[in-house]
């Protein structure tokens, strides 16, 4: 099941970041999560193994990148190493399971 980016998820991210849940912040977090999901989707072999979206690591990668983008909108220092590691692992799963 593809991660559902909605107000509930935005509130969860706000809680994790300890930021106020104003309408403006929630809208910002939702936009960042949508952007991070697009980046993660384009970074993995999603077409090879579409079921990867059911993996909890996929959700965490989307959320972690969204959190990083909250503080560094243009990712001046690149993607966080944790996101790179998660994307590599997700790609390995896609290529391994998708090849069957």
N, C-alpha and C. Protein backbone atom coordinates (compact mmCIF):
# COMPACT_ATOMS: atom_id res chain seq x y z
N UNK A 1 0.85 -1.18 0.00
CA UNK A 1 0.00 0.00 0.00
C UNK A 1 0.89 1.24 0.00
N UNK A 2 0.73 2.07 -0.98
CA UNK A 2 1.52 3.29 -1.09
C UNK A 2 1.26 4.18 0.11
N UNK A 3 2.30 4.78 0.61
CA UNK A 3 2.18 5.67 1.77
C UNK A 3 1.16 6.76 1.47
N UNK A 4 0.27 7.00 2.40
CA UNK A 4 -0.74 8.03 2.25
C UNK A 4 -0.24 9.31 2.90
N UNK A 5 0.01 10.30 2.08
CA UNK A 5 0.49 11.57 2.60
C UNK A 5 -0.71 12.46 2.84
N UNK A 6 -1.04 12.62 4.11
CA UNK A 6 -2.21 13.39 4.49
C UNK A 6 -1.90 14.14 5.79
N UNK A 7 -2.92 14.77 6.34
CA UNK A 7 -2.74 15.55 7.56
C UNK A 7 -2.30 14.68 8.73
N UNK A 8 -2.78 13.44 8.78
CA UNK A 8 -2.39 12.54 9.86
C UNK A 8 -0.89 12.28 9.84
N UNK A 9 -0.35 11.99 8.66
CA UNK A 9 1.08 11.75 8.53
C UNK A 9 1.86 13.04 8.81
N UNK A 10 1.35 14.16 8.33
CA UNK A 10 2.01 15.44 8.58
C UNK A 10 2.08 15.73 10.08
N UNK A 11 1.02 15.41 10.80
CA UNK A 11 1.02 15.61 12.26
C UNK A 11 2.04 14.70 12.93
N UNK A 12 2.16 13.47 12.44
CA UNK A 12 3.16 12.55 12.97
C UNK A 12 4.56 13.12 12.78
N UNK A 13 4.82 13.64 11.59
CA UNK A 13 6.14 14.22 11.30
C UNK A 13 6.37 15.45 12.17
N UNK A 14 5.36 16.28 12.33
CA UNK A 14 5.49 17.46 13.20
C UNK A 14 5.81 17.03 14.63
N UNK A 15 5.17 15.97 15.10
CA UNK A 15 5.46 15.45 16.44
C UNK A 15 6.91 14.99 16.54
N UNK A 16 7.38 14.28 15.52
CA UNK A 16 8.75 13.79 15.53
C UNK A 16 9.76 14.94 15.52
N UNK A 17 9.41 16.02 14.83
CA UNK A 17 10.31 17.18 14.72
C UNK A 17 10.10 18.19 15.84
N UNK A 18 9.07 17.98 16.66
CA UNK A 18 8.72 18.92 17.74
C UNK A 18 8.45 20.32 17.20
N UNK A 19 7.63 20.38 16.14
CA UNK A 19 7.23 21.68 15.60
C UNK A 19 5.72 21.84 15.75
N UNK A 20 5.29 23.09 15.78
CA UNK A 20 3.87 23.39 15.94
C UNK A 20 3.07 22.86 14.75
N UNK A 21 1.86 22.44 15.03
CA UNK A 21 0.99 21.89 14.00
C UNK A 21 0.01 22.95 13.49
N UNK A 22 0.54 24.07 13.06
CA UNK A 22 -0.32 25.10 12.49
C UNK A 22 -0.71 24.67 11.07
N UNK A 23 -1.73 25.32 10.53
CA UNK A 23 -2.14 25.00 9.16
C UNK A 23 -0.99 25.20 8.18
N UNK A 24 -0.21 26.26 8.39
CA UNK A 24 0.91 26.56 7.50
C UNK A 24 1.98 25.48 7.59
N UNK A 25 2.31 25.06 8.81
CA UNK A 25 3.33 24.02 8.99
C UNK A 25 2.86 22.69 8.41
N UNK A 26 1.60 22.35 8.63
CA UNK A 26 1.07 21.10 8.09
C UNK A 26 1.10 21.11 6.57
N UNK A 27 0.74 22.24 5.97
CA UNK A 27 0.79 22.35 4.50
C UNK A 27 2.22 22.22 3.99
N UNK A 28 3.15 22.83 4.70
CA UNK A 28 4.56 22.73 4.31
C UNK A 28 5.05 21.29 4.41
N UNK A 29 4.74 20.63 5.52
CA UNK A 29 5.19 19.25 5.72
C UNK A 29 4.57 18.33 4.67
N UNK A 30 3.30 18.51 4.36
CA UNK A 30 2.66 17.69 3.32
C UNK A 30 3.35 17.89 1.98
N UNK A 31 3.65 19.13 1.63
CA UNK A 31 4.33 19.41 0.36
C UNK A 31 5.72 18.77 0.34
N UNK A 32 6.44 18.86 1.44
CA UNK A 32 7.77 18.27 1.51
C UNK A 32 7.71 16.75 1.43
N UNK A 33 6.72 16.15 2.06
CA UNK A 33 6.56 14.70 1.99
C UNK A 33 6.22 14.25 0.57
N UNK A 34 5.38 15.01 -0.11
CA UNK A 34 5.07 14.68 -1.51
C UNK A 34 6.32 14.76 -2.37
N UNK A 35 7.12 15.79 -2.15
CA UNK A 35 8.38 15.92 -2.88
C UNK A 35 9.36 14.81 -2.56
N UNK A 36 9.45 14.47 -1.29
CA UNK A 36 10.39 13.41 -0.91
C UNK A 36 9.94 12.06 -1.45
N UNK A 37 8.63 11.82 -1.50
CA UNK A 37 8.14 10.57 -2.07
C UNK A 37 8.50 10.49 -3.56
N UNK A 38 8.40 11.60 -4.26
CA UNK A 38 8.76 11.61 -5.68
C UNK A 38 10.25 11.30 -5.86
N UNK A 39 11.08 11.86 -5.00
CA UNK A 39 12.52 11.61 -5.08
C UNK A 39 12.82 10.14 -4.79
N UNK A 40 12.22 9.60 -3.73
CA UNK A 40 12.45 8.19 -3.39
C UNK A 40 11.96 7.29 -4.52
N UNK A 41 10.78 7.56 -5.04
CA UNK A 41 10.24 6.74 -6.13
C UNK A 41 11.15 6.76 -7.35
N UNK A 42 11.73 7.91 -7.66
CA UNK A 42 12.62 8.02 -8.81
C UNK A 42 14.01 7.45 -8.52
N UNK A 43 14.31 7.19 -7.25
CA UNK A 43 15.63 6.70 -6.88
C UNK A 43 15.69 5.18 -6.75
N UNK A 44 14.55 4.54 -6.76
CA UNK A 44 14.53 3.08 -6.62
C UNK A 44 13.90 2.45 -7.86
N UNK A 45 14.12 1.16 -8.00
CA UNK A 45 13.59 0.41 -9.14
C UNK A 45 12.14 0.02 -8.86
N UNK A 46 11.29 1.03 -8.72
CA UNK A 46 9.89 0.82 -8.35
C UNK A 46 9.15 -0.04 -9.38
N UNK A 47 9.44 0.15 -10.65
CA UNK A 47 8.75 -0.62 -11.70
C UNK A 47 9.13 -2.10 -11.65
N UNK A 48 10.33 -2.39 -11.15
CA UNK A 48 10.79 -3.77 -11.06
C UNK A 48 10.06 -4.55 -9.97
N UNK A 49 9.77 -3.85 -8.86
CA UNK A 49 9.12 -4.50 -7.72
C UNK A 49 8.21 -3.50 -7.02
N UNK A 50 7.00 -3.26 -7.58
CA UNK A 50 6.09 -2.26 -7.03
C UNK A 50 5.67 -2.51 -5.58
N UNK A 51 5.74 -3.76 -5.13
CA UNK A 51 5.33 -4.08 -3.76
C UNK A 51 6.27 -3.50 -2.71
N UNK A 52 7.38 -2.91 -3.14
CA UNK A 52 8.32 -2.32 -2.19
C UNK A 52 7.65 -1.23 -1.35
N UNK A 53 6.60 -0.63 -1.88
CA UNK A 53 5.91 0.43 -1.13
C UNK A 53 5.25 -0.10 0.14
N UNK A 54 5.12 -1.42 0.26
CA UNK A 54 4.57 -2.02 1.48
C UNK A 54 5.63 -2.22 2.56
N UNK A 55 6.88 -2.02 2.20
CA UNK A 55 7.97 -2.21 3.14
C UNK A 55 8.06 -1.00 4.07
N UNK A 56 8.11 -1.22 5.38
CA UNK A 56 8.20 -0.09 6.32
C UNK A 56 9.42 0.80 6.06
N UNK A 57 10.47 0.24 5.49
CA UNK A 57 11.66 1.03 5.18
C UNK A 57 11.37 2.08 4.11
N UNK A 58 10.47 1.76 3.19
CA UNK A 58 10.06 2.73 2.17
C UNK A 58 9.41 3.94 2.83
N UNK A 59 8.48 3.68 3.75
CA UNK A 59 7.81 4.78 4.45
C UNK A 59 8.81 5.61 5.23
N UNK A 60 9.73 4.95 5.92
CA UNK A 60 10.73 5.67 6.72
C UNK A 60 11.63 6.51 5.82
N UNK A 61 11.99 6.01 4.65
CA UNK A 61 12.83 6.77 3.73
C UNK A 61 12.12 8.05 3.28
N UNK A 62 10.84 7.92 2.94
CA UNK A 62 10.05 9.10 2.53
C UNK A 62 9.98 10.11 3.67
N UNK A 63 9.69 9.64 4.86
CA UNK A 63 9.56 10.54 6.02
C UNK A 63 10.90 11.17 6.37
N UNK A 64 11.97 10.39 6.38
CA UNK A 64 13.29 10.91 6.74
C UNK A 64 13.76 11.96 5.75
N UNK A 65 13.55 11.72 4.47
CA UNK A 65 13.94 12.72 3.48
C UNK A 65 13.08 13.97 3.63
N UNK A 66 11.80 13.79 3.88
CA UNK A 66 10.92 14.95 4.11
C UNK A 66 11.36 15.76 5.31
N UNK A 67 11.78 15.09 6.37
CA UNK A 67 12.28 15.79 7.55
C UNK A 67 13.55 16.56 7.24
N UNK A 68 14.44 15.95 6.48
CA UNK A 68 15.68 16.63 6.10
C UNK A 68 15.38 17.86 5.26
N UNK A 69 14.41 17.74 4.36
CA UNK A 69 14.05 18.87 3.51
C UNK A 69 13.38 19.99 4.30
N UNK A 70 12.79 19.67 5.44
CA UNK A 70 12.17 20.70 6.27
C UNK A 70 13.24 21.69 6.74
N UNK A 71 14.39 21.17 7.12
CA UNK A 71 15.45 22.03 7.65
C UNK A 71 16.41 22.52 6.58
N UNK A 72 16.49 21.84 5.45
CA UNK A 72 17.42 22.20 4.38
C UNK A 72 16.68 22.02 3.05
N UNK A 73 15.88 23.01 2.70
CA UNK A 73 14.95 22.88 1.56
C UNK A 73 15.62 22.51 0.25
N UNK A 74 16.84 22.95 0.04
CA UNK A 74 17.49 22.64 -1.24
C UNK A 74 18.53 21.53 -1.09
N UNK A 75 18.56 20.89 0.07
CA UNK A 75 19.51 19.81 0.35
C UNK A 75 20.92 20.19 -0.08
N UNK A 76 21.37 21.35 0.40
CA UNK A 76 22.68 21.89 0.05
C UNK A 76 23.81 20.90 0.34
N UNK A 77 23.64 20.08 1.35
CA UNK A 77 24.66 19.09 1.70
C UNK A 77 24.34 17.71 1.16
N UNK A 78 23.38 17.64 0.25
CA UNK A 78 22.98 16.35 -0.32
C UNK A 78 21.98 15.63 0.57
N UNK A 79 21.60 14.45 0.14
CA UNK A 79 20.67 13.65 0.93
C UNK A 79 21.39 13.14 2.18
N UNK A 80 20.67 13.03 3.28
CA UNK A 80 21.28 12.46 4.48
C UNK A 80 21.80 11.04 4.20
N UNK A 81 22.89 10.68 4.86
CA UNK A 81 23.47 9.36 4.65
C UNK A 81 22.48 8.25 4.96
N UNK A 82 21.62 8.47 5.94
CA UNK A 82 20.62 7.45 6.29
C UNK A 82 19.66 7.22 5.12
N UNK A 83 19.29 8.28 4.42
CA UNK A 83 18.38 8.14 3.27
C UNK A 83 19.09 7.40 2.14
N UNK A 84 20.35 7.74 1.90
CA UNK A 84 21.12 7.05 0.86
C UNK A 84 21.21 5.56 1.18
N UNK A 85 21.46 5.24 2.44
CA UNK A 85 21.54 3.84 2.86
C UNK A 85 20.19 3.14 2.66
N UNK A 86 19.10 3.81 3.04
CA UNK A 86 17.77 3.20 2.87
C UNK A 86 17.44 3.00 1.40
N UNK A 87 17.76 3.98 0.56
CA UNK A 87 17.50 3.85 -0.88
C UNK A 87 18.30 2.70 -1.46
N UNK A 88 19.57 2.58 -1.06
CA UNK A 88 20.38 1.46 -1.55
C UNK A 88 19.76 0.12 -1.14
N UNK A 89 19.32 0.03 0.09
CA UNK A 89 18.71 -1.21 0.57
C UNK A 89 17.39 -1.49 -0.16
N UNK A 90 16.58 -0.46 -0.35
CA UNK A 90 15.32 -0.64 -1.08
C UNK A 90 15.59 -1.08 -2.51
N UNK A 91 16.61 -0.51 -3.14
CA UNK A 91 16.97 -0.92 -4.50
C UNK A 91 17.40 -2.37 -4.55
N UNK A 92 18.16 -2.80 -3.56
CA UNK A 92 18.58 -4.20 -3.51
C UNK A 92 17.37 -5.12 -3.42
N UNK A 93 16.42 -4.75 -2.59
CA UNK A 93 15.19 -5.55 -2.47
C UNK A 93 14.45 -5.57 -3.80
N UNK A 94 14.30 -4.41 -4.43
CA UNK A 94 13.59 -4.33 -5.72
C UNK A 94 14.25 -5.21 -6.77
N UNK A 95 15.57 -5.11 -6.87
CA UNK A 95 16.28 -5.85 -7.91
C UNK A 95 16.29 -7.35 -7.62
N UNK A 96 16.36 -7.72 -6.34
CA UNK A 96 16.38 -9.13 -5.98
C UNK A 96 15.00 -9.76 -6.16
N UNK A 97 13.99 -9.15 -5.59
CA UNK A 97 12.64 -9.73 -5.66
C UNK A 97 12.00 -9.50 -7.01
N UNK A 98 12.35 -8.43 -7.68
CA UNK A 98 11.78 -8.15 -9.00
C UNK A 98 12.33 -9.06 -10.08
N UNK A 99 13.50 -9.65 -9.82
CA UNK A 99 14.13 -10.52 -10.81
C UNK A 99 13.52 -11.92 -10.82
N UNK A 100 12.69 -12.21 -9.84
CA UNK A 100 12.10 -13.56 -9.75
C UNK A 100 10.98 -13.76 -10.72
